[in-house]
């Protein structure tokens, strides 16, 4: 396969992953279950799905994790729980756009950890995106929406920490398979949520079908698509392609439930996505002299 065809296939696989990920908002909103119940069932099914595929491929789904793999798993588990809770409490658009602010936290975290000089474009991206995040807190902001927005911000921080831990793991252990952290993270979610989730947990057959979809496809198969696509793409192309999730997530919720994010939130989301695209694709410039 030539380079162009390989890249095209990689983009298609990441886009498929983003398409599946984007369905989370609609189904989380539709399910009349608590956030912890959804997180528990979805992650348990996802862990079993990914582990089964790894086993069928002849891999080891449950190797002993090192400190970095455990850190990845903890950040990923927190990310999953916080995102489900945020989606339940605020609009799907707010939850996903605030989660996609993760690259902005990496602007400071990555140079601090890797000793990379901070650049002027880094500071511009941070100022613009944090200003845009403020737009989510303008207008229709009841107590539930405020809590949901704050949880969305926290999920973005966890996504940044998860991404950074994965990068550190890749640099220190190039042969390590990140699937270990994904499986472990989902199992941690199931373990943490189980005590409260299993209280009065009696999903109907349709609800059980949605939970199985979320675990098998929205997380499990989507991650496998993403992993396969990443092997053919640069991190830049993968990040930009992945923003498809943030665009489609509120669209499905609007089409399915008629939920309309505020004009301020839409404006903030567009600014964040546009800034991430500019920051990811643009040329690197001179470091800031501090």
Protein backbone atom coordinates (compact mmCIF):
# COMPACT_ATOMS: atom_id res chain seq x y z
CA UNK A 1 0.00 0.00 0.00
CA UNK A 2 1.48 3.40 -0.99
CA UNK A 3 1.85 6.24 1.49
CA UNK A 4 -1.17 8.19 0.21
CA UNK A 5 -3.51 5.19 0.34
CA UNK A 6 -2.19 4.26 3.79
CA UNK A 7 -2.87 7.79 5.08
CA UNK A 8 -6.35 7.78 3.55
CA UNK A 9 -7.13 4.51 5.27
CA UNK A 10 -5.82 5.88 8.56
CA UNK A 11 -8.01 8.99 8.28
CA UNK A 12 -11.03 6.79 7.48
CA UNK A 13 -10.41 4.60 10.54
CA UNK A 14 -10.02 7.58 12.90
CA UNK A 15 -13.13 9.19 11.37
CA UNK A 16 -15.09 5.97 12.01
CA UNK A 17 -13.88 6.01 15.60
CA UNK A 18 -14.94 9.64 15.99
CA UNK A 19 -18.33 8.84 14.45
CA UNK A 20 -18.92 6.10 17.02
CA UNK A 21 -17.63 8.24 19.89
CA UNK A 22 -19.95 11.07 18.85
CA UNK A 23 -23.04 8.93 19.49
CA UNK A 24 -22.39 8.93 23.25
CA UNK A 25 -24.21 12.19 23.95
CA UNK A 26 -27.50 11.07 22.41
CA UNK A 27 -27.60 7.66 24.10
CA UNK A 28 -26.46 8.96 27.49
CA UNK A 29 -29.26 11.54 27.31
CA UNK A 30 -31.84 8.95 26.20
CA UNK A 31 -31.10 6.42 28.95
CA UNK A 32 -33.23 7.04 32.08
CA UNK A 33 -30.41 5.72 34.26
CA UNK A 34 -27.98 7.43 36.60
CA UNK A 35 -24.56 8.57 35.38
CA UNK A 36 -22.76 5.97 37.51
CA UNK A 37 -25.02 3.18 36.24
CA UNK A 38 -24.30 4.11 32.63
CA UNK A 39 -20.57 4.47 33.27
CA UNK A 40 -20.46 1.11 35.07
CA UNK A 41 -22.24 -0.91 32.40
CA UNK A 42 -20.63 0.81 29.42
CA UNK A 43 -17.09 0.41 30.72
CA UNK A 44 -17.52 -3.18 31.87
CA UNK A 45 -18.77 -4.21 28.42
CA UNK A 46 -16.04 -2.15 26.72
CA UNK A 47 -13.26 -3.76 28.78
CA UNK A 48 -14.54 -7.27 27.99
CA UNK A 49 -14.95 -6.39 24.28
CA UNK A 50 -11.43 -5.01 23.83
CA UNK A 51 -9.88 -7.81 25.92
CA UNK A 52 -11.66 -10.44 23.79
CA UNK A 53 -10.39 -8.88 20.55
CA UNK A 54 -6.82 -8.67 21.91
CA UNK A 55 -7.02 -12.32 23.00
CA UNK A 56 -8.33 -13.41 19.59
CA UNK A 57 -5.37 -11.65 17.99
CA UNK A 58 -2.99 -13.61 20.19
CA UNK A 59 -2.14 -10.72 22.51
CA UNK A 60 -2.09 -10.44 26.29
CA UNK A 61 -5.01 -8.25 27.43
CA UNK A 62 -4.09 -8.21 31.14
CA UNK A 63 -0.32 -7.80 31.54
CA UNK A 64 0.99 -6.44 34.82
CA UNK A 65 0.82 -2.61 34.48
CA UNK A 66 3.76 -0.38 35.32
CA UNK A 67 3.40 3.03 36.97
CA UNK A 68 2.80 4.86 33.67
CA UNK A 69 0.17 2.37 32.52
CA UNK A 70 -1.56 2.71 35.88
CA UNK A 71 -1.44 6.52 35.60
CA UNK A 72 -2.95 6.31 32.11
CA UNK A 73 -5.69 4.03 33.39
CA UNK A 74 -6.56 6.30 36.33
CA UNK A 75 -6.77 9.41 34.12
CA UNK A 76 -8.84 7.52 31.55
CA UNK A 77 -11.22 6.18 34.19
CA UNK A 78 -11.77 9.66 35.63
CA UNK A 79 -12.32 11.00 32.11
CA UNK A 80 -15.07 8.46 31.37
CA UNK A 81 -16.95 9.04 34.62
CA UNK A 82 -16.72 12.83 34.44
CA UNK A 83 -17.88 12.96 30.82
CA UNK A 84 -20.97 10.83 31.46
CA UNK A 85 -21.85 12.95 34.51
CA UNK A 86 -21.27 16.20 32.58
CA UNK A 87 -23.48 15.02 29.69
CA UNK A 88 -26.28 14.23 32.14
CA UNK A 89 -26.11 17.65 33.81
CA UNK A 90 -25.44 20.05 30.93
CA UNK A 91 -25.98 20.07 27.18
CA UNK A 92 -24.12 17.53 25.08
CA UNK A 93 -22.46 20.39 23.20
CA UNK A 94 -21.11 21.92 26.41
CA UNK A 95 -19.81 18.56 27.67
CA UNK A 96 -17.97 17.60 24.48
CA UNK A 97 -16.60 21.06 23.64
CA UNK A 98 -15.26 21.53 27.16
CA UNK A 99 -13.66 18.09 27.01
CA UNK A 100 -12.01 19.05 23.73
CA UNK A 101 -10.22 21.88 25.51
CA UNK A 102 -7.71 19.19 26.58
CA UNK A 103 -4.96 20.24 24.09
CA UNK A 104 -4.86 23.64 25.77
CA UNK A 105 -3.88 22.14 29.13
CA UNK A 106 -1.20 20.16 27.33
CA UNK A 107 0.30 23.45 26.15
CA UNK A 108 1.61 23.94 29.69
CA UNK A 109 1.82 20.35 30.90
CA UNK A 110 3.93 19.01 28.03
CA UNK A 111 6.70 21.65 28.13
CA UNK A 112 6.84 21.32 31.93
CA UNK A 113 7.29 17.54 31.73
CA UNK A 114 9.42 17.29 28.58
CA UNK A 115 11.42 20.54 29.10
CA UNK A 116 10.25 21.81 25.70
CA UNK A 117 10.45 25.62 25.45
CA UNK A 118 7.11 27.41 25.64
CA UNK A 119 6.28 29.14 22.34
CA UNK A 120 4.33 32.29 21.55
CA UNK A 121 1.67 30.37 19.64
CA UNK A 122 1.20 28.24 22.76
CA UNK A 123 0.27 31.31 24.79
CA UNK A 124 -2.00 32.68 22.06
CA UNK A 125 -3.86 29.35 21.87
CA UNK A 126 -4.29 29.23 25.64
CA UNK A 127 -5.60 32.79 25.94
CA UNK A 128 -8.07 32.36 23.07
CA UNK A 129 -9.38 28.98 24.23
CA UNK A 130 -9.76 29.93 27.87
CA UNK A 131 -11.62 33.06 26.78
CA UNK A 132 -13.87 30.86 24.62
CA UNK A 133 -14.49 28.51 27.55
CA UNK A 134 -15.88 31.46 29.47
CA UNK A 135 -18.67 31.72 26.89
CA UNK A 136 -20.10 28.40 28.14
CA UNK A 137 -20.88 30.08 31.46
CA UNK A 138 -22.90 32.90 29.90
CA UNK A 139 -26.70 32.83 29.65
CA UNK A 140 -28.79 29.77 30.58
CA UNK A 141 -26.87 28.63 33.64
CA UNK A 142 -28.91 26.91 36.33
CA UNK A 143 -27.28 24.95 39.15
CA UNK A 144 -27.28 21.70 37.16
CA UNK A 145 -25.80 23.30 34.07
CA UNK A 146 -23.08 25.00 36.12
CA UNK A 147 -22.12 21.70 37.75
CA UNK A 148 -22.18 19.95 34.36
CA UNK A 149 -19.96 22.59 32.79
CA UNK A 150 -17.45 22.32 35.64
CA UNK A 151 -17.42 18.54 35.25
CA UNK A 152 -16.85 19.06 31.51
CA UNK A 153 -13.82 21.23 32.30
CA UNK A 154 -12.54 18.52 34.68
CA UNK A 155 -12.99 15.87 31.97
CA UNK A 156 -10.85 18.00 29.65
CA UNK A 157 -8.09 18.13 32.27
CA UNK A 158 -8.26 14.34 32.65
CA UNK A 159 -8.09 13.89 28.87
CA UNK A 160 -4.96 16.04 28.82
CA UNK A 161 -3.37 14.02 31.64
CA UNK A 162 -4.30 10.77 29.88
CA UNK A 163 -2.76 11.98 26.60
CA UNK A 164 0.41 13.10 28.35
CA UNK A 165 0.75 9.80 30.22
CA UNK A 166 0.35 7.92 26.93
CA UNK A 167 3.09 10.04 25.33
CA UNK A 168 5.44 9.40 28.24
CA UNK A 169 4.68 5.69 28.10
CA UNK A 170 5.38 5.59 24.38
CA UNK A 171 8.71 7.40 24.77
CA UNK A 172 9.91 5.33 27.73
CA UNK A 173 8.44 1.97 26.63
CA UNK A 174 8.12 2.07 22.80
CA UNK A 175 6.95 -1.55 22.62
CA UNK A 176 4.25 -1.15 25.28
CA UNK A 177 0.68 -1.53 24.00
CA UNK A 178 -1.59 1.34 25.18
CA UNK A 179 -4.55 -1.05 25.03
CA UNK A 180 -3.51 -2.21 28.52
CA UNK A 181 -4.35 1.22 29.95
CA UNK A 182 -7.67 1.33 28.08
CA UNK A 183 -8.79 -2.06 29.38
CA UNK A 184 -7.58 -1.32 32.92
CA UNK A 185 -9.18 2.13 32.88
CA UNK A 186 -12.57 0.70 31.90
CA UNK A 187 -12.28 -1.98 34.58
CA UNK A 188 -11.49 0.72 37.16
CA UNK A 189 -14.61 2.62 36.13
CA UNK A 190 -16.72 -0.52 36.59
CA UNK A 191 -15.12 -1.23 39.96
CA UNK A 192 -15.50 2.31 41.31
CA UNK A 193 -19.08 2.74 40.08
CA UNK A 194 -20.35 -0.76 40.96
CA UNK A 195 -21.34 -0.18 44.64
CA UNK A 196 -23.73 2.65 43.77
CA UNK A 197 -24.57 1.61 40.22
CA UNK A 198 -25.88 -1.81 41.17
CA UNK A 199 -28.38 -0.37 43.62
CA UNK A 200 -31.80 -0.60 41.94
CA UNK A 201 -30.15 -1.42 38.59
CA UNK A 202 -32.84 -3.13 36.52
CA UNK A 203 -32.47 -2.02 32.88
CA UNK A 204 -35.23 -2.95 30.47
CA UNK A 205 -34.30 -4.93 27.31
CA UNK A 206 -34.15 -1.74 25.16
CA UNK A 207 -32.02 -0.01 27.80
CA UNK A 208 -29.76 -3.05 28.01
CA UNK A 209 -29.39 -2.96 24.23
CA UNK A 210 -28.25 0.68 24.37
CA UNK A 211 -25.76 -0.11 27.15
CA UNK A 212 -24.35 -2.99 25.10
CA UNK A 213 -24.03 -0.71 22.07
CA UNK A 214 -22.19 1.91 24.13
CA UNK A 215 -19.75 -0.66 25.50
CA UNK A 216 -19.17 -2.78 22.40
CA UNK A 217 -19.21 -0.13 19.67
CA UNK A 218 -19.10 3.40 21.11
CA UNK A 219 -16.01 2.61 23.23
CA UNK A 220 -14.72 -0.87 22.35
CA UNK A 221 -14.78 -1.04 18.55
CA UNK A 222 -14.21 2.71 18.29
CA UNK A 223 -10.95 2.43 20.23
CA UNK A 224 -9.78 -0.43 18.01
CA UNK A 225 -10.54 1.69 14.90
CA UNK A 226 -8.67 4.63 16.42
CA UNK A 227 -5.67 2.51 17.39
CA UNK A 228 -5.43 1.05 13.87
CA UNK A 229 -5.76 4.50 12.29
CA UNK A 230 -3.11 6.06 14.54
CA UNK A 231 -0.52 3.61 13.23
CA UNK A 232 -0.92 5.20 9.78
CA UNK A 233 -1.15 8.88 10.74
CA UNK A 234 0.80 11.64 12.37
CA UNK A 235 -0.50 12.85 15.72
CA UNK A 236 -1.50 16.14 14.06
CA UNK A 237 -3.73 14.53 11.45
CA UNK A 238 -5.26 12.23 14.07
CA UNK A 239 -6.12 15.13 16.40
CA UNK A 240 -7.71 17.21 13.65
CA UNK A 241 -9.69 14.21 12.33
CA UNK A 242 -10.80 13.40 15.87
CA UNK A 243 -12.50 16.79 16.20
CA UNK A 244 -15.27 15.25 14.08
CA UNK A 245 -16.54 13.82 17.37
CA UNK A 246 -17.05 17.27 18.88
CA UNK A 247 -18.88 18.47 15.76
CA UNK A 248 -21.24 15.49 15.45
CA UNK A 249 -22.01 14.83 19.14
CA UNK A 250 -24.35 17.82 19.63
CA UNK A 251 -25.79 17.31 16.13
CA UNK A 252 -27.07 13.80 16.99
CA UNK A 253 -28.54 15.09 20.27
CA UNK A 254 -30.28 17.94 18.46
CA UNK A 255 -31.70 15.62 15.78
CA UNK A 256 -32.75 12.97 18.31
CA UNK A 257 -33.97 15.07 21.24
CA UNK A 258 -34.14 18.65 19.98
CA UNK A 259 -31.64 19.84 22.59
CA UNK A 260 -30.30 23.24 21.55
CA UNK A 261 -27.05 24.53 23.04
CA UNK A 262 -26.97 28.26 23.73
CA UNK A 263 -25.62 30.61 21.08
CA UNK A 264 -22.76 31.51 23.43
CA UNK A 265 -21.83 27.83 23.86
CA UNK A 266 -21.87 27.23 20.10
CA UNK A 267 -19.66 30.26 19.57
CA UNK A 268 -17.27 29.09 22.28
CA UNK A 269 -17.13 25.59 20.80
CA UNK A 270 -16.39 26.88 17.31
CA UNK A 271 -13.62 29.11 18.64
CA UNK A 272 -12.06 26.19 20.55
CA UNK A 273 -12.18 23.82 17.56
CA UNK A 274 -10.85 26.49 15.22
CA UNK A 275 -8.01 27.35 17.60
CA UNK A 276 -7.06 23.71 18.02
CA UNK A 277 -6.96 23.30 14.24
CA UNK A 278 -4.80 26.42 13.86
CA UNK A 279 -2.52 25.40 16.72
CA UNK A 280 -2.13 21.80 15.52
CA UNK A 281 -1.60 22.50 11.82
CA UNK A 282 0.29 25.79 11.95
CA UNK A 283 4.08 26.22 11.85
CA UNK A 284 6.10 26.34 15.05
CA UNK A 285 7.67 29.66 15.92
CA UNK A 286 10.22 31.06 18.35
CA UNK A 287 10.14 30.21 22.06
CA UNK A 288 8.89 32.85 24.48
CA UNK A 289 11.70 34.43 26.47
CA UNK A 290 10.60 34.51 30.09
